[in-house]
Amino acid sequence: MLIDLLTKKDRLKIQQCNEAFEQHQQLRHAYLWLAGQRTKQFLGSAPGLTLSFSAGMLMQFRHTIVVKTMRGVGALKWLRILA
């Protein structure tokens, strides 16, 4: 009888944990979907298109010395801010 009571409590705990996990997963899925929608909306806007175009241009010229120098200067600036 005591064993049945303990296993029943454990089963109830496991069931509650499973329900909480499922709710968490649904919430996570909703947040990821919302983030995807916001990203698509931003990339379709003027600033997003500008950023995307600029990143594309930089990727094409990433091996040139000017871009490498700009990247290095930006990295040094971030390192100074973080230090």
C-alpha atoms as a PDB file:
ATOM      1  CA  MET A   1       0.000   0.000   0.000  1.00  0.00           C
ATOM      2  CA  LEU A   2       2.813   2.408   0.855  1.00  0.00           C
ATOM      3  CA  ILE A   3       4.625   1.492  -2.345  1.00  0.00           C
ATOM      4  CA  ASP A   4       1.466   2.196  -4.372  1.00  0.00           C
ATOM      5  CA  LEU A   5       1.132   5.588  -2.698  1.00  0.00           C
ATOM      6  CA  LEU A   6       4.757   6.486  -3.425  1.00  0.00           C
ATOM      7  CA  THR A   7       4.601   5.350  -7.046  1.00  0.00           C
ATOM      8  CA  LYS A   8       1.345   7.252  -7.511  1.00  0.00           C
ATOM      9  CA  LYS A   9       3.028  10.435  -6.200  1.00  0.00           C
ATOM     10  CA  ASP A  10       6.015   9.833  -8.479  1.00  0.00           C
ATOM     11  CA  ARG A  11       3.756   9.270 -11.481  1.00  0.00           C
ATOM     12  CA  LEU A  12       1.889  12.482 -10.691  1.00  0.00           C
ATOM     13  CA  LYS A  13       5.184  14.384 -10.422  1.00  0.00           C
ATOM     14  CA  ILE A  14       6.393  12.954 -13.717  1.00  0.00           C
ATOM     15  CA  GLN A  15       3.112  13.851 -15.398  1.00  0.00           C
ATOM     16  CA  GLN A  16       3.347  17.443 -14.092  1.00  0.00           C
ATOM     17  CA  CYS A  17       6.938  17.709 -15.296  1.00  0.00           C
ATOM     18  CA  ASN A  18       5.943  16.408 -18.726  1.00  0.00           C
ATOM     19  CA  GLU A  19       3.113  18.937 -18.984  1.00  0.00           C
ATOM     20  CA  ALA A  20       5.408  21.773 -17.913  1.00  0.00           C
ATOM     21  CA  PHE A  21       7.979  20.638 -20.477  1.00  0.00           C
ATOM     22  CA  GLU A  22       5.382  20.528 -23.249  1.00  0.00           C
ATOM     23  CA  GLN A  23       4.181  24.030 -22.366  1.00  0.00           C
ATOM     24  CA  HIS A  24       7.764  25.268 -22.333  1.00  0.00           C
ATOM     25  CA  GLN A  25       8.410  23.709 -25.741  1.00  0.00           C
ATOM     26  CA  GLN A  26       5.267  25.300 -27.192  1.00  0.00           C
ATOM     27  CA  LEU A  27       6.277  28.679 -25.783  1.00  0.00           C
ATOM     28  CA  ARG A  28       9.809  28.275 -27.162  1.00  0.00           C
ATOM     29  CA  HIS A  29       8.426  27.345 -30.573  1.00  0.00           C
ATOM     30  CA  ALA A  30       6.183  30.418 -30.529  1.00  0.00           C
ATOM     31  CA  TYR A  31       9.099  32.693 -29.606  1.00  0.00           C
ATOM     32  CA  LEU A  32      11.249  31.228 -32.375  1.00  0.00           C
ATOM     33  CA  TRP A  33       8.461  31.685 -34.905  1.00  0.00           C
ATOM     34  CA  LEU A  34       7.957  35.282 -33.752  1.00  0.00           C
ATOM     35  CA  ALA A  35      11.692  35.973 -33.987  1.00  0.00           C
ATOM     36  CA  GLY A  36      11.682  34.582 -37.519  1.00  0.00           C
ATOM     37  CA  GLN A  37       8.767  36.792 -38.495  1.00  0.00           C
ATOM     38  CA  ARG A  38      10.445  39.862 -37.006  1.00  0.00           C
ATOM     39  CA  THR A  39      13.661  39.037 -38.851  1.00  0.00           C
ATOM     40  CA  LYS A  40      11.814  38.699 -42.148  1.00  0.00           C
ATOM     41  CA  GLN A  41      10.014  41.980 -41.483  1.00  0.00           C
ATOM     42  CA  PHE A  42      13.287  43.763 -40.659  1.00  0.00           C
ATOM     43  CA  LEU A  43      15.078  42.409 -43.713  1.00  0.00           C
ATOM     44  CA  GLY A  44      12.223  43.652 -45.872  1.00  0.00           C
ATOM     45  CA  SER A  45      12.483  47.181 -44.461  1.00  0.00           C
ATOM     46  CA  ALA A  46      14.792  49.909 -45.750  1.00  0.00           C
ATOM     47  CA  PRO A  47      17.377  49.598 -42.936  1.00  0.00           C
ATOM     48  CA  GLY A  48      17.327  45.816 -43.260  1.00  0.00           C
ATOM     49  CA  LEU A  49      17.848  45.937 -47.003  1.00  0.00           C
ATOM     50  CA  THR A  50      20.692  48.411 -46.540  1.00  0.00           C
ATOM     51  CA  LEU A  51      22.328  46.200 -43.931  1.00  0.00           C
ATOM     52  CA  SER A  52      21.869  43.092 -46.057  1.00  0.00           C
ATOM     53  CA  PHE A  53      23.279  44.812 -49.143  1.00  0.00           C
ATOM     54  CA  SER A  54      26.251  46.160 -47.192  1.00  0.00           C
ATOM     55  CA  ALA A  55      26.990  42.751 -45.695  1.00  0.00           C
ATOM     56  CA  GLY A  56      26.792  41.200 -49.154  1.00  0.00           C
ATOM     57  CA  MET A  57      29.200  43.763 -50.570  1.00  0.00           C
ATOM     58  CA  LEU A  58      31.619  43.217 -47.693  1.00  0.00           C
ATOM     59  CA  MET A  59      31.467  39.459 -48.228  1.00  0.00           C
ATOM     60  CA  GLN A  60      32.439  39.923 -51.873  1.00  0.00           C
ATOM     61  CA  PHE A  61      35.406  42.077 -50.928  1.00  0.00           C
ATOM     62  CA  ARG A  62      36.374  40.279 -47.707  1.00  0.00           C
ATOM     63  CA  HIS A  63      39.829  39.348 -48.998  1.00  0.00           C
ATOM     64  CA  THR A  64      40.840  42.878 -49.987  1.00  0.00           C
ATOM     65  CA  ILE A  65      43.277  44.735 -47.746  1.00  0.00           C
ATOM     66  CA  VAL A  66      40.874  47.645 -47.098  1.00  0.00           C
ATOM     67  CA  VAL A  67      38.162  45.393 -45.686  1.00  0.00           C
ATOM     68  CA  LYS A  68      40.680  43.419 -43.640  1.00  0.00           C
ATOM     69  CA  THR A  69      42.034  46.654 -42.173  1.00  0.00           C
ATOM     70  CA  MET A  70      38.538  47.952 -41.342  1.00  0.00           C
ATOM     71  CA  ARG A  71      37.703  44.641 -39.704  1.00  0.00           C
ATOM     72  CA  GLY A  72      40.885  44.762 -37.649  1.00  0.00           C
ATOM     73  CA  VAL A  73      40.254  48.342 -36.531  1.00  0.00           C
ATOM     74  CA  GLY A  74      36.695  47.447 -35.528  1.00  0.00           C
ATOM     75  CA  ALA A  75      37.938  44.431 -33.591  1.00  0.00           C
ATOM     76  CA  LEU A  76      40.491  46.555 -31.744  1.00  0.00           C
ATOM     77  CA  LYS A  77      37.809  49.090 -30.868  1.00  0.00           C
ATOM     78  CA  TRP A  78      35.575  46.331 -29.421  1.00  0.00           C
ATOM     79  CA  LEU A  79      38.492  44.885 -27.479  1.00  0.00           C
ATOM     80  CA  ARG A  80      39.198  48.290 -25.945  1.00  0.00           C
ATOM     81  CA  ILE A  81      35.530  48.680 -24.986  1.00  0.00           C
ATOM     82  CA  LEU A  82      35.374  45.216 -23.414  1.00  0.00           C
ATOM     83  CA  ALA A  83      38.678  45.553 -21.547  1.00  0.00           C
END
